[in-house]
Amino acid sequence: MSKLDPYELEILRGYESGKLKPASDEAERQGLRAAARATAIKDKRVNIRLSSVDLQDIQARALAEGMPYQTLIASVLHKYVAGRLLEREPAGKTLQRRARTPST
């Protein structure tokens, strides 16, 4: 089985426990299928410049996850815009937040 993120695990547990039910109406299922297809359509191309080190790190991470690096980049961006990408403290480092200074 592929690795699931916490959000996906929550959905799976809800379904397995019976809290989530499949759509009962065929029209509703067709509407949901159409929405899923529209969401998955990749119709735009983007070119970005990355440092060699960042690209190598992304490629290594993608290899460890068992996916192409471009898929990993798209996944990270999707999670970010969906509000599901959480910032965490890097191992051995403390994140320092900049204090806001009142504007004058």
PDB file of N, CA and C in Angstrom:
ATOM      1  N   MET A   1       0.848  -1.190   0.000  1.00  0.00           N
ATOM      2  CA  MET A   1       0.000   0.000   0.000  1.00  0.00           C
ATOM      3  C   MET A   1       0.882   1.238   0.000  1.00  0.00           C
ATOM      4  N   SER A   2       0.462   2.264  -0.681  1.00  0.00           N
ATOM      5  CA  SER A   2       1.237   3.495  -0.721  1.00  0.00           C
ATOM      6  C   SER A   2       1.152   4.207   0.625  1.00  0.00           C
ATOM      7  N   LYS A   3       2.087   5.091   0.848  1.00  0.00           N
ATOM      8  CA  LYS A   3       2.098   5.853   2.100  1.00  0.00           C
ATOM      9  C   LYS A   3       0.985   6.884   2.056  1.00  0.00           C
ATOM     10  N   LEU A   4       0.224   6.959   3.117  1.00  0.00           N
ATOM     11  CA  LEU A   4      -0.869   7.925   3.207  1.00  0.00           C
ATOM     12  C   LEU A   4      -0.482   9.029   4.167  1.00  0.00           C
ATOM     13  N   ASP A   5      -0.874  10.257   3.842  1.00  0.00           N
ATOM     14  CA  ASP A   5      -0.618  11.362   4.761  1.00  0.00           C
ATOM     15  C   ASP A   5      -1.700  11.346   5.839  1.00  0.00           C
ATOM     16  N   PRO A   6      -1.543  12.114   6.915  1.00  0.00           N
ATOM     17  CA  PRO A   6      -2.514  12.080   8.017  1.00  0.00           C
ATOM     18  C   PRO A   6      -3.951  12.365   7.574  1.00  0.00           C
ATOM     19  N   TYR A   7      -4.142  13.274   6.637  1.00  0.00           N
ATOM     20  CA  TYR A   7      -5.487  13.594   6.144  1.00  0.00           C
ATOM     21  C   TYR A   7      -6.107  12.383   5.457  1.00  0.00           C
ATOM     22  N   GLU A   8      -5.317  11.711   4.623  1.00  0.00           N
ATOM     23  CA  GLU A   8      -5.811  10.528   3.931  1.00  0.00           C
ATOM     24  C   GLU A   8      -6.112   9.395   4.914  1.00  0.00           C
ATOM     25  N   LEU A   9      -5.264   9.242   5.928  1.00  0.00           N
ATOM     26  CA  LEU A   9      -5.511   8.221   6.956  1.00  0.00           C
ATOM     27  C   LEU A   9      -6.809   8.496   7.710  1.00  0.00           C
ATOM     28  N   GLU A  10      -7.072   9.766   7.992  1.00  0.00           N
ATOM     29  CA  GLU A  10      -8.306  10.148   8.680  1.00  0.00           C
ATOM     30  C   GLU A  10      -9.531   9.753   7.847  1.00  0.00           C
ATOM     31  N   ILE A  11      -9.460   9.988   6.555  1.00  0.00           N
ATOM     32  CA  ILE A  11     -10.558   9.617   5.662  1.00  0.00           C
ATOM     33  C   ILE A  11     -10.729   8.099   5.639  1.00  0.00           C
ATOM     34  N   LEU A  12      -9.618   7.370   5.513  1.00  0.00           N
ATOM     35  CA  LEU A  12      -9.678   5.915   5.476  1.00  0.00           C
ATOM     36  C   LEU A  12     -10.275   5.360   6.768  1.00  0.00           C
ATOM     37  N   ARG A  13      -9.839   5.870   7.900  1.00  0.00           N
ATOM     38  CA  ARG A  13     -10.379   5.399   9.186  1.00  0.00           C
ATOM     39  C   ARG A  13     -11.869   5.717   9.313  1.00  0.00           C
ATOM     40  N   GLY A  14     -12.262   6.896   8.853  1.00  0.00           N
ATOM     41  CA  GLY A  14     -13.678   7.256   8.886  1.00  0.00           C
ATOM     42  C   GLY A  14     -14.520   6.325   8.044  1.00  0.00           C
ATOM     43  N   TYR A  15     -14.016   5.970   6.881  1.00  0.00           N
ATOM     44  CA  TYR A  15     -14.749   5.049   5.997  1.00  0.00           C
ATOM     45  C   TYR A  15     -14.820   3.664   6.618  1.00  0.00           C
ATOM     46  N   GLU A  16     -13.667   3.179   7.127  1.00  0.00           N
ATOM     47  CA  GLU A  16     -13.628   1.834   7.704  1.00  0.00           C
ATOM     48  C   GLU A  16     -14.478   1.722   8.958  1.00  0.00           C
ATOM     49  N   SER A  17     -14.612   2.808   9.713  1.00  0.00           N
ATOM     50  CA  SER A  17     -15.416   2.770  10.941  1.00  0.00           C
ATOM     51  C   SER A  17     -16.906   2.959  10.660  1.00  0.00           C
ATOM     52  N   GLY A  18     -17.250   3.286   9.431  1.00  0.00           N
ATOM     53  CA  GLY A  18     -18.660   3.467   9.086  1.00  0.00           C
ATOM     54  C   GLY A  18     -19.155   4.892   9.253  1.00  0.00           C
ATOM     55  N   LYS A  19     -18.279   5.812   9.652  1.00  0.00           N
ATOM     56  CA  LYS A  19     -18.689   7.210   9.813  1.00  0.00           C
ATOM     57  C   LYS A  19     -18.890   7.884   8.466  1.00  0.00           C
ATOM     58  N   LEU A  20     -18.154   7.429   7.450  1.00  0.00           N
ATOM     59  CA  LEU A  20     -18.307   7.962   6.097  1.00  0.00           C
ATOM     60  C   LEU A  20     -19.038   6.921   5.255  1.00  0.00           C
ATOM     61  N   LYS A  21     -20.005   7.346   4.518  1.00  0.00           N
ATOM     62  CA  LYS A  21     -20.803   6.455   3.672  1.00  0.00           C
ATOM     63  C   LYS A  21     -20.588   6.825   2.212  1.00  0.00           C
ATOM     64  N   PRO A  22     -20.620   5.829   1.326  1.00  0.00           N
ATOM     65  CA  PRO A  22     -20.513   6.153  -0.096  1.00  0.00           C
ATOM     66  C   PRO A  22     -21.732   6.929  -0.568  1.00  0.00           C
ATOM     67  N   ALA A  23     -21.558   7.699  -1.619  1.00  0.00           N
ATOM     68  CA  ALA A  23     -22.687   8.440  -2.194  1.00  0.00           C
ATOM     69  C   ALA A  23     -23.740   7.428  -2.650  1.00  0.00           C
ATOM     70  N   SER A  24     -24.983   7.656  -2.287  1.00  0.00           N
ATOM     71  CA  SER A  24     -26.027   6.675  -2.571  1.00  0.00           C
ATOM     72  C   SER A  24     -26.715   6.904  -3.912  1.00  0.00           C
ATOM     73  N   ASP A  25     -26.723   8.109  -4.374  1.00  0.00           N
ATOM     74  CA  ASP A  25     -27.438   8.479  -5.589  1.00  0.00           C
ATOM     75  C   ASP A  25     -26.481   8.440  -6.785  1.00  0.00           C
ATOM     76  N   GLU A  26     -26.880   7.789  -7.880  1.00  0.00           N
ATOM     77  CA  GLU A  26     -26.018   7.675  -9.062  1.00  0.00           C
ATOM     78  C   GLU A  26     -25.649   9.044  -9.628  1.00  0.00           C
ATOM     79  N   ALA A  27     -26.575   9.974  -9.634  1.00  0.00           N
ATOM     80  CA  ALA A  27     -26.282  11.320 -10.139  1.00  0.00           C
ATOM     81  C   ALA A  27     -25.217  11.992  -9.265  1.00  0.00           C
ATOM     82  N   GLU A  28     -25.312  11.791  -7.968  1.00  0.00           N
ATOM     83  CA  GLU A  28     -24.312  12.368  -7.059  1.00  0.00           C
ATOM     84  C   GLU A  28     -22.943  11.735  -7.309  1.00  0.00           C
ATOM     85  N   ARG A  29     -22.907  10.415  -7.511  1.00  0.00           N
ATOM     86  CA  ARG A  29     -21.631   9.732  -7.802  1.00  0.00           C
ATOM     87  C   ARG A  29     -21.025  10.247  -9.100  1.00  0.00           C
ATOM     88  N   GLN A  30     -21.852  10.444 -10.121  1.00  0.00           N
ATOM     89  CA  GLN A  30     -21.340  10.955 -11.389  1.00  0.00           C
ATOM     90  C   GLN A  30     -20.794  12.375 -11.225  1.00  0.00           C
ATOM     91  N   GLY A  31     -21.473  13.178 -10.441  1.00  0.00           N
ATOM     92  CA  GLY A  31     -20.993  14.536 -10.177  1.00  0.00           C
ATOM     93  C   GLY A  31     -19.665  14.530  -9.447  1.00  0.00           C
ATOM     94  N   LEU A  32     -19.529  13.632  -8.477  1.00  0.00           N
ATOM     95  CA  LEU A  32     -18.272  13.529  -7.733  1.00  0.00           C
ATOM     96  C   LEU A  32     -17.143  13.014  -8.621  1.00  0.00           C
ATOM     97  N   ARG A  33     -17.452  12.055  -9.487  1.00  0.00           N
ATOM     98  CA  ARG A  33     -16.441  11.556 -10.433  1.00  0.00           C
ATOM     99  C   ARG A  33     -15.969  12.676 -11.357  1.00  0.00           C
ATOM    100  N   ALA A  34     -16.905  13.467 -11.858  1.00  0.00           N
ATOM    101  CA  ALA A  34     -16.551  14.574 -12.754  1.00  0.00           C
ATOM    102  C   ALA A  34     -15.675  15.589 -12.029  1.00  0.00           C
ATOM    103  N   ALA A  35     -16.002  15.872 -10.770  1.00  0.00           N
ATOM    104  CA  ALA A  35     -15.194  16.820  -9.987  1.00  0.00           C
ATOM    105  C   ALA A  35     -13.788  16.267  -9.761  1.00  0.00           C
ATOM    106  N   ALA A  36     -13.686  14.972  -9.488  1.00  0.00           N
ATOM    107  CA  ALA A  36     -12.369  14.357  -9.282  1.00  0.00           C
ATOM    108  C   ALA A  36     -11.540  14.412 -10.559  1.00  0.00           C
ATOM    109  N   ARG A  37     -12.175  14.121 -11.689  1.00  0.00           N
ATOM    110  CA  ARG A  37     -11.446  14.186 -12.963  1.00  0.00           C
ATOM    111  C   ARG A  37     -10.964  15.602 -13.252  1.00  0.00           C
ATOM    112  N   ALA A  38     -11.821  16.584 -13.020  1.00  0.00           N
ATOM    113  CA  ALA A  38     -11.452  17.974 -13.285  1.00  0.00           C
ATOM    114  C   ALA A  38     -10.306  18.411 -12.385  1.00  0.00           C
ATOM    115  N   THR A  39     -10.282  17.903 -11.169  1.00  0.00           N
ATOM    116  CA  THR A  39      -9.222  18.253 -10.229  1.00  0.00           C
ATOM    117  C   THR A  39      -7.893  17.650 -10.663  1.00  0.00           C
ATOM    118  N   ALA A  40      -7.944  16.459 -11.249  1.00  0.00           N
ATOM    119  CA  ALA A  40      -6.724  15.748 -11.610  1.00  0.00           C
ATOM    120  C   ALA A  40      -6.143  16.186 -12.948  1.00  0.00           C
ATOM    121  N   ILE A  41      -6.876  16.971 -13.716  1.00  0.00           N
ATOM    122  CA  ILE A  41      -6.386  17.387 -15.030  1.00  0.00           C
ATOM    123  C   ILE A  41      -5.213  18.351 -14.848  1.00  0.00           C
ATOM    124  N   LYS A  42      -4.128  17.997 -15.475  1.00  0.00           N
ATOM    125  CA  LYS A  42      -2.942  18.861 -15.428  1.00  0.00           C
ATOM    126  C   LYS A  42      -2.829  19.516 -16.790  1.00  0.00           C
ATOM    127  N   ASP A  43      -3.358  20.714 -16.889  1.00  0.00           N
ATOM    128  CA  ASP A  43      -3.432  21.370 -18.189  1.00  0.00           C
ATOM    129  C   ASP A  43      -2.510  22.575 -18.324  1.00  0.00           C
ATOM    130  N   LYS A  44      -1.691  22.831 -17.330  1.00  0.00           N
ATOM    131  CA  LYS A  44      -0.771  23.972 -17.388  1.00  0.00           C
ATOM    132  C   LYS A  44       0.646  23.500 -17.116  1.00  0.00           C
ATOM    133  N   ARG A  45       1.559  24.127 -17.798  1.00  0.00           N
ATOM    134  CA  ARG A  45       2.971  23.810 -17.630  1.00  0.00           C
ATOM    135  C   ARG A  45       3.644  24.994 -16.941  1.00  0.00           C
ATOM    136  N   VAL A  46       4.555  24.698 -16.014  1.00  0.00           N
ATOM    137  CA  VAL A  46       5.272  25.733 -15.285  1.00  0.00           C
ATOM    138  C   VAL A  46       6.760  25.410 -15.340  1.00  0.00           C
ATOM    139  N   ASN A  47       7.562  26.405 -15.586  1.00  0.00           N
ATOM    140  CA  ASN A  47       9.015  26.248 -15.541  1.00  0.00           C
ATOM    141  C   ASN A  47       9.543  27.073 -14.381  1.00  0.00           C
ATOM    142  N   ILE A  48      10.380  26.448 -13.562  1.00  0.00           N
ATOM    143  CA  ILE A  48      10.981  27.174 -12.436  1.00  0.00           C
ATOM    144  C   ILE A  48      12.476  26.898 -12.407  1.00  0.00           C
ATOM    145  N   ARG A  49      13.193  27.787 -11.788  1.00  0.00           N
ATOM    146  CA  ARG A  49      14.626  27.595 -11.608  1.00  0.00           C
ATOM    147  C   ARG A  49      14.858  27.248 -10.140  1.00  0.00           C
ATOM    148  N   LEU A  50      15.654  26.206  -9.929  1.00  0.00           N
ATOM    149  CA  LEU A  50      16.012  25.758  -8.590  1.00  0.00           C
ATOM    150  C   LEU A  50      17.529  25.669  -8.496  1.00  0.00           C
ATOM    151  N   SER A  51      18.030  25.765  -7.283  1.00  0.00           N
ATOM    152  CA  SER A  51      19.466  25.543  -7.118  1.00  0.00           C
ATOM    153  C   SER A  51      19.747  24.057  -7.345  1.00  0.00           C
ATOM    154  N   SER A  52      20.939  23.754  -7.772  1.00  0.00           N
ATOM    155  CA  SER A  52      21.316  22.354  -8.018  1.00  0.00           C
ATOM    156  C   SER A  52      21.156  21.523  -6.757  1.00  0.00           C
ATOM    157  N   VAL A  53      21.528  22.100  -5.630  1.00  0.00           N
ATOM    158  CA  VAL A  53      21.437  21.383  -4.352  1.00  0.00           C
ATOM    159  C   VAL A  53      19.976  21.064  -4.026  1.00  0.00           C
ATOM    160  N   ASP A  54      19.081  22.053  -4.181  1.00  0.00           N
ATOM    161  CA  ASP A  54      17.667  21.807  -3.903  1.00  0.00           C
ATOM    162  C   ASP A  54      17.103  20.727  -4.819  1.00  0.00           C
ATOM    163  N   LEU A  55      17.440  20.790  -6.097  1.00  0.00           N
ATOM    164  CA  LEU A  55      16.941  19.788  -7.039  1.00  0.00           C
ATOM    165  C   LEU A  55      17.454  18.403  -6.678  1.00  0.00           C
ATOM    166  N   GLN A  56      18.718  18.289  -6.319  1.00  0.00           N
ATOM    167  CA  GLN A  56      19.270  16.993  -5.920  1.00  0.00           C
ATOM    168  C   GLN A  56      18.565  16.462  -4.675  1.00  0.00           C
ATOM    169  N   ASP A  57      18.295  17.357  -3.714  1.00  0.00           N
ATOM    170  CA  ASP A  57      17.592  16.943  -2.492  1.00  0.00           C
ATOM    171  C   ASP A  57      16.167  16.486  -2.811  1.00  0.00           C
ATOM    172  N   ILE A  58      15.488  17.200  -3.710  1.00  0.00           N
ATOM    173  CA  ILE A  58      14.133  16.821  -4.108  1.00  0.00           C
ATOM    174  C   ILE A  58      14.153  15.469  -4.813  1.00  0.00           C
ATOM    175  N   GLN A  59      15.124  15.274  -5.713  1.00  0.00           N
ATOM    176  CA  GLN A  59      15.213  14.005  -6.430  1.00  0.00           C
ATOM    177  C   GLN A  59      15.498  12.851  -5.475  1.00  0.00           C
ATOM    178  N   ALA A  60      16.354  13.073  -4.487  1.00  0.00           N
ATOM    179  CA  ALA A  60      16.649  12.031  -3.504  1.00  0.00           C
ATOM    180  C   ALA A  60      15.418  11.708  -2.669  1.00  0.00           C
ATOM    181  N   ARG A  61      14.688  12.741  -2.265  1.00  0.00           N
ATOM    182  CA  ARG A  61      13.468  12.542  -1.468  1.00  0.00           C
ATOM    183  C   ARG A  61      12.417  11.786  -2.279  1.00  0.00           C
ATOM    184  N   ALA A  62      12.272  12.151  -3.567  1.00  0.00           N
ATOM    185  CA  ALA A  62      11.316  11.477  -4.437  1.00  0.00           C
ATOM    186  C   ALA A  62      11.685  10.007  -4.621  1.00  0.00           C
ATOM    187  N   LEU A  63      12.971   9.736  -4.790  1.00  0.00           N
ATOM    188  CA  LEU A  63      13.436   8.363  -4.927  1.00  0.00           C
ATOM    189  C   LEU A  63      13.089   7.557  -3.677  1.00  0.00           C
ATOM    190  N   ALA A  64      13.311   8.156  -2.504  1.00  0.00           N
ATOM    191  CA  ALA A  64      12.985   7.484  -1.243  1.00  0.00           C
ATOM    192  C   ALA A  64      11.480   7.230  -1.115  1.00  0.00           C
ATOM    193  N   GLU A  65      10.671   8.130  -1.680  1.00  0.00           N
ATOM    194  CA  GLU A  65       9.210   7.990  -1.628  1.00  0.00           C
ATOM    195  C   GLU A  65       8.684   7.083  -2.743  1.00  0.00           C
ATOM    196  N   GLY A  66       9.562   6.764  -3.713  1.00  0.00           N
ATOM    197  CA  GLY A  66       9.161   5.899  -4.810  1.00  0.00           C
ATOM    198  C   GLY A  66       8.290   6.583  -5.850  1.00  0.00           C
ATOM    199  N   MET A  67       8.606   7.847  -6.121  1.00  0.00           N
ATOM    200  CA  MET A  67       7.826   8.580  -7.116  1.00  0.00           C
ATOM    201  C   MET A  67       8.750   9.487  -7.925  1.00  0.00           C
ATOM    202  N   PRO A  68       8.301   9.892  -9.117  1.00  0.00           N
ATOM    203  CA  PRO A  68       9.098  10.846  -9.893  1.00  0.00           C
ATOM    204  C   PRO A  68       9.196  12.189  -9.163  1.00  0.00           C
ATOM    205  N   TYR A  69      10.335  12.869  -9.333  1.00  0.00           N
ATOM    206  CA  TYR A  69      10.530  14.122  -8.598  1.00  0.00           C
ATOM    207  C   TYR A  69       9.536  15.197  -9.011  1.00  0.00           C
ATOM    208  N   GLN A  70       9.109  15.205 -10.283  1.00  0.00           N
ATOM    209  CA  GLN A  70       8.135  16.210 -10.701  1.00  0.00           C
ATOM    210  C   GLN A  70       6.778  15.963 -10.029  1.00  0.00           C
ATOM    211  N   THR A  71       6.437  14.693  -9.811  1.00  0.00           N
ATOM    212  CA  THR A  71       5.204  14.359  -9.100  1.00  0.00           C
ATOM    213  C   THR A  71       5.294  14.836  -7.655  1.00  0.00           C
ATOM    214  N   LEU A  72       6.453  14.657  -7.038  1.00  0.00           N
ATOM    215  CA  LEU A  72       6.649  15.129  -5.665  1.00  0.00           C
ATOM    216  C   LEU A  72       6.494  16.642  -5.581  1.00  0.00           C
ATOM    217  N   ILE A  73       7.092  17.365  -6.525  1.00  0.00           N
ATOM    218  CA  ILE A  73       6.980  18.826  -6.525  1.00  0.00           C
ATOM    219  C   ILE A  73       5.515  19.238  -6.676  1.00  0.00           C
ATOM    220  N   ALA A  74       4.794  18.603  -7.607  1.00  0.00           N
ATOM    221  CA  ALA A  74       3.380  18.923  -7.812  1.00  0.00           C
ATOM    222  C   ALA A  74       2.568  18.621  -6.560  1.00  0.00           C
ATOM    223  N   SER A  75       2.884  17.518  -5.889  1.00  0.00           N
ATOM    224  CA  SER A  75       2.173  17.139  -4.667  1.00  0.00           C
ATOM    225  C   SER A  75       2.398  18.157  -3.551  1.00  0.00           C
ATOM    226  N   VAL A  76       3.640  18.583  -3.384  1.00  0.00           N
ATOM    227  CA  VAL A  76       3.957  19.575  -2.347  1.00  0.00           C
ATOM    228  C   VAL A  76       3.226  20.883  -2.626  1.00  0.00           C
ATOM    229  N   LEU A  77       3.237  21.310  -3.879  1.00  0.00           N
ATOM    230  CA  LEU A  77       2.542  22.549  -4.226  1.00  0.00           C
ATOM    231  C   LEU A  77       1.038  22.413  -4.009  1.00  0.00           C
ATOM    232  N   HIS A  78       0.473  21.277  -4.374  1.00  0.00           N
ATOM    233  CA  HIS A  78      -0.968  21.063  -4.172  1.00  0.00           C
ATOM    234  C   HIS A  78      -1.318  21.106  -2.686  1.00  0.00           C
ATOM    235  N   LYS A  79      -0.535  20.425  -1.870  1.00  0.00           N
ATOM    236  CA  LYS A  79      -0.790  20.436  -0.424  1.00  0.00           C
ATOM    237  C   LYS A  79      -0.666  21.846   0.143  1.00  0.00           C
ATOM    238  N   TYR A  80       0.288  22.622  -0.372  1.00  0.00           N
ATOM    239  CA  TYR A  80       0.463  23.989   0.105  1.00  0.00           C
ATOM    240  C   TYR A  80      -0.764  24.841  -0.200  1.00  0.00           C
ATOM    241  N   VAL A  81      -1.224  24.807  -1.443  1.00  0.00           N
ATOM    242  CA  VAL A  81      -2.364  25.660  -1.801  1.00  0.00           C
ATOM    243  C   VAL A  81      -3.655  25.166  -1.165  1.00  0.00           C
ATOM    244  N   ALA A  82      -3.711  23.872  -0.811  1.00  0.00           N
ATOM    245  CA  ALA A  82      -4.898  23.323  -0.138  1.00  0.00           C
ATOM    246  C   ALA A  82      -4.842  23.554   1.367  1.00  0.00           C
ATOM    247  N   GLY A  83      -3.731  24.124   1.855  1.00  0.00           N
ATOM    248  CA  GLY A  83      -3.614  24.398   3.291  1.00  0.00           C
ATOM    249  C   GLY A  83      -3.262  23.174   4.108  1.00  0.00           C
ATOM    250  N   ARG A  84      -2.753  22.128   3.462  1.00  0.00           N
ATOM    251  CA  ARG A  84      -2.430  20.897   4.181  1.00  0.00           C
ATOM    252  C   ARG A  84      -0.933  20.681   4.365  1.00  0.00           C
ATOM    253  N   LEU A  85      -0.125  21.639   3.967  1.00  0.00           N
ATOM    254  CA  LEU A  85       1.313  21.528   4.142  1.00  0.00           C
ATOM    255  C   LEU A  85       1.677  22.265   5.421  1.00  0.00           C
ATOM    256  N   LEU A  86       2.182  21.535   6.390  1.00  0.00           N
ATOM    257  CA  LEU A  86       2.481  22.116   7.688  1.00  0.00           C
ATOM    258  C   LEU A  86       3.973  22.332   7.842  1.00  0.00           C
ATOM    259  N   GLU A  87       4.326  23.467   8.421  1.00  0.00           N
ATOM    260  CA  GLU A  87       5.724  23.757   8.702  1.00  0.00           C
ATOM    261  C   GLU A  87       6.100  23.057   9.991  1.00  0.00           C
ATOM    262  N   ARG A  88       7.238  22.394   9.969  1.00  0.00           N
ATOM    263  CA  ARG A  88       7.703  21.753  11.194  1.00  0.00           C
ATOM    264  C   ARG A  88       9.142  22.132  11.455  1.00  0.00           C
ATOM    265  N   GLU A  89       9.549  21.947  12.680  1.00  0.00           N
ATOM    266  CA  GLU A  89      10.898  22.313  13.079  1.00  0.00           C
ATOM    267  C   GLU A  89      11.882  21.293  12.530  1.00  0.00           C
ATOM    268  N   PRO A  90      12.909  21.739  11.811  1.00  0.00           N
ATOM    269  CA  PRO A  90      13.915  20.802  11.303  1.00  0.00           C
ATOM    270  C   PRO A  90      14.634  20.120  12.460  1.00  0.00           C
ATOM    271  N   ALA A  91      15.078  18.911  12.268  1.00  0.00           N
ATOM    272  CA  ALA A  91      15.769  18.161  13.316  1.00  0.00           C
ATOM    273  C   ALA A  91      17.003  18.921  13.771  1.00  0.00           C
ATOM    274  N   GLY A  92      17.101  19.135  15.069  1.00  0.00           N
ATOM    275  CA  GLY A  92      18.273  19.789  15.635  1.00  0.00           C
ATOM    276  C   GLY A  92      18.313  21.294  15.481  1.00  0.00           C
ATOM    277  N   LYS A  93      17.276  21.873  14.949  1.00  0.00           N
ATOM    278  CA  LYS A  93      17.264  23.325  14.765  1.00  0.00           C
ATOM    279  C   LYS A  93      16.014  23.903  15.388  1.00  0.00           C
ATOM    280  N   THR A  94      16.104  25.134  15.786  1.00  0.00           N
ATOM    281  CA  THR A  94      14.960  25.837  16.340  1.00  0.00           C
ATOM    282  C   THR A  94      14.533  26.906  15.347  1.00  0.00           C
ATOM    283  N   LEU A  95      13.258  26.880  15.000  1.00  0.00           N
ATOM    284  CA  LEU A  95      12.755  27.920  14.109  1.00  0.00           C
ATOM    285  C   LEU A  95      12.656  29.224  14.871  1.00  0.00           C
ATOM    286  N   GLN A  96      13.138  30.276  14.279  1.00  0.00           N
ATOM    287  CA  GLN A  96      13.033  31.575  14.915  1.00  0.00           C
ATOM    288  C   GLN A  96      12.036  32.398  14.132  1.00  0.00           C
ATOM    289  N   ARG A  97      11.054  32.885  14.813  1.00  0.00           N
ATOM    290  CA  ARG A  97      10.058  33.727  14.165  1.00  0.00           C
ATOM    291  C   ARG A  97      10.473  35.178  14.335  1.00  0.00           C
ATOM    292  N   ARG A  98      10.336  35.925  13.273  1.00  0.00           N
ATOM    293  CA  ARG A  98      10.658  37.343  13.350  1.00  0.00           C
ATOM    294  C   ARG A  98       9.524  38.081  14.035  1.00  0.00           C
ATOM    295  N   ALA A  99       9.888  38.915  14.947  1.00  0.00           N
ATOM    296  CA  ALA A  99       8.883  39.734  15.625  1.00  0.00           C
ATOM    297  C   ALA A  99       8.399  40.797  14.674  1.00  0.00           C
ATOM    298  N   ARG A 100       7.109  41.033  14.689  1.00  0.00           N
ATOM    299  CA  ARG A 100       6.566  42.088  13.834  1.00  0.00           C
ATOM    300  C   ARG A 100       6.839  43.431  14.497  1.00  0.00           C
ATOM    301  N   THR A 101       7.255  44.346  13.696  1.00  0.00           N
ATOM    302  CA  THR A 101       7.472  45.687  14.213  1.00  0.00           C
ATOM    303  C   THR A 101       6.300  46.547  13.770  1.00  0.00           C
ATOM    304  N   PRO A 102       5.756  47.319  14.679  1.00  0.00           N
ATOM    305  CA  PRO A 102       4.621  48.169  14.271  1.00  0.00           C
ATOM    306  C   PRO A 102       5.055  49.160  13.206  1.00  0.00           C
ATOM    307  N   SER A 103       4.197  49.327  12.203  1.00  0.00           N
ATOM    308  CA  SER A 103       4.522  50.284  11.154  1.00  0.00           C
ATOM    309  C   SER A 103       4.247  51.702  11.676  1.00  0.00           C
ATOM    310  N   THR A 104       5.074  52.600  11.242  1.00  0.00           N
ATOM    311  CA  THR A 104       4.912  53.979  11.705  1.00  0.00           C
ATOM    312  C   THR A 104       4.506  54.871  10.574  1.00  0.00           C
TER     313      THR A 104
END
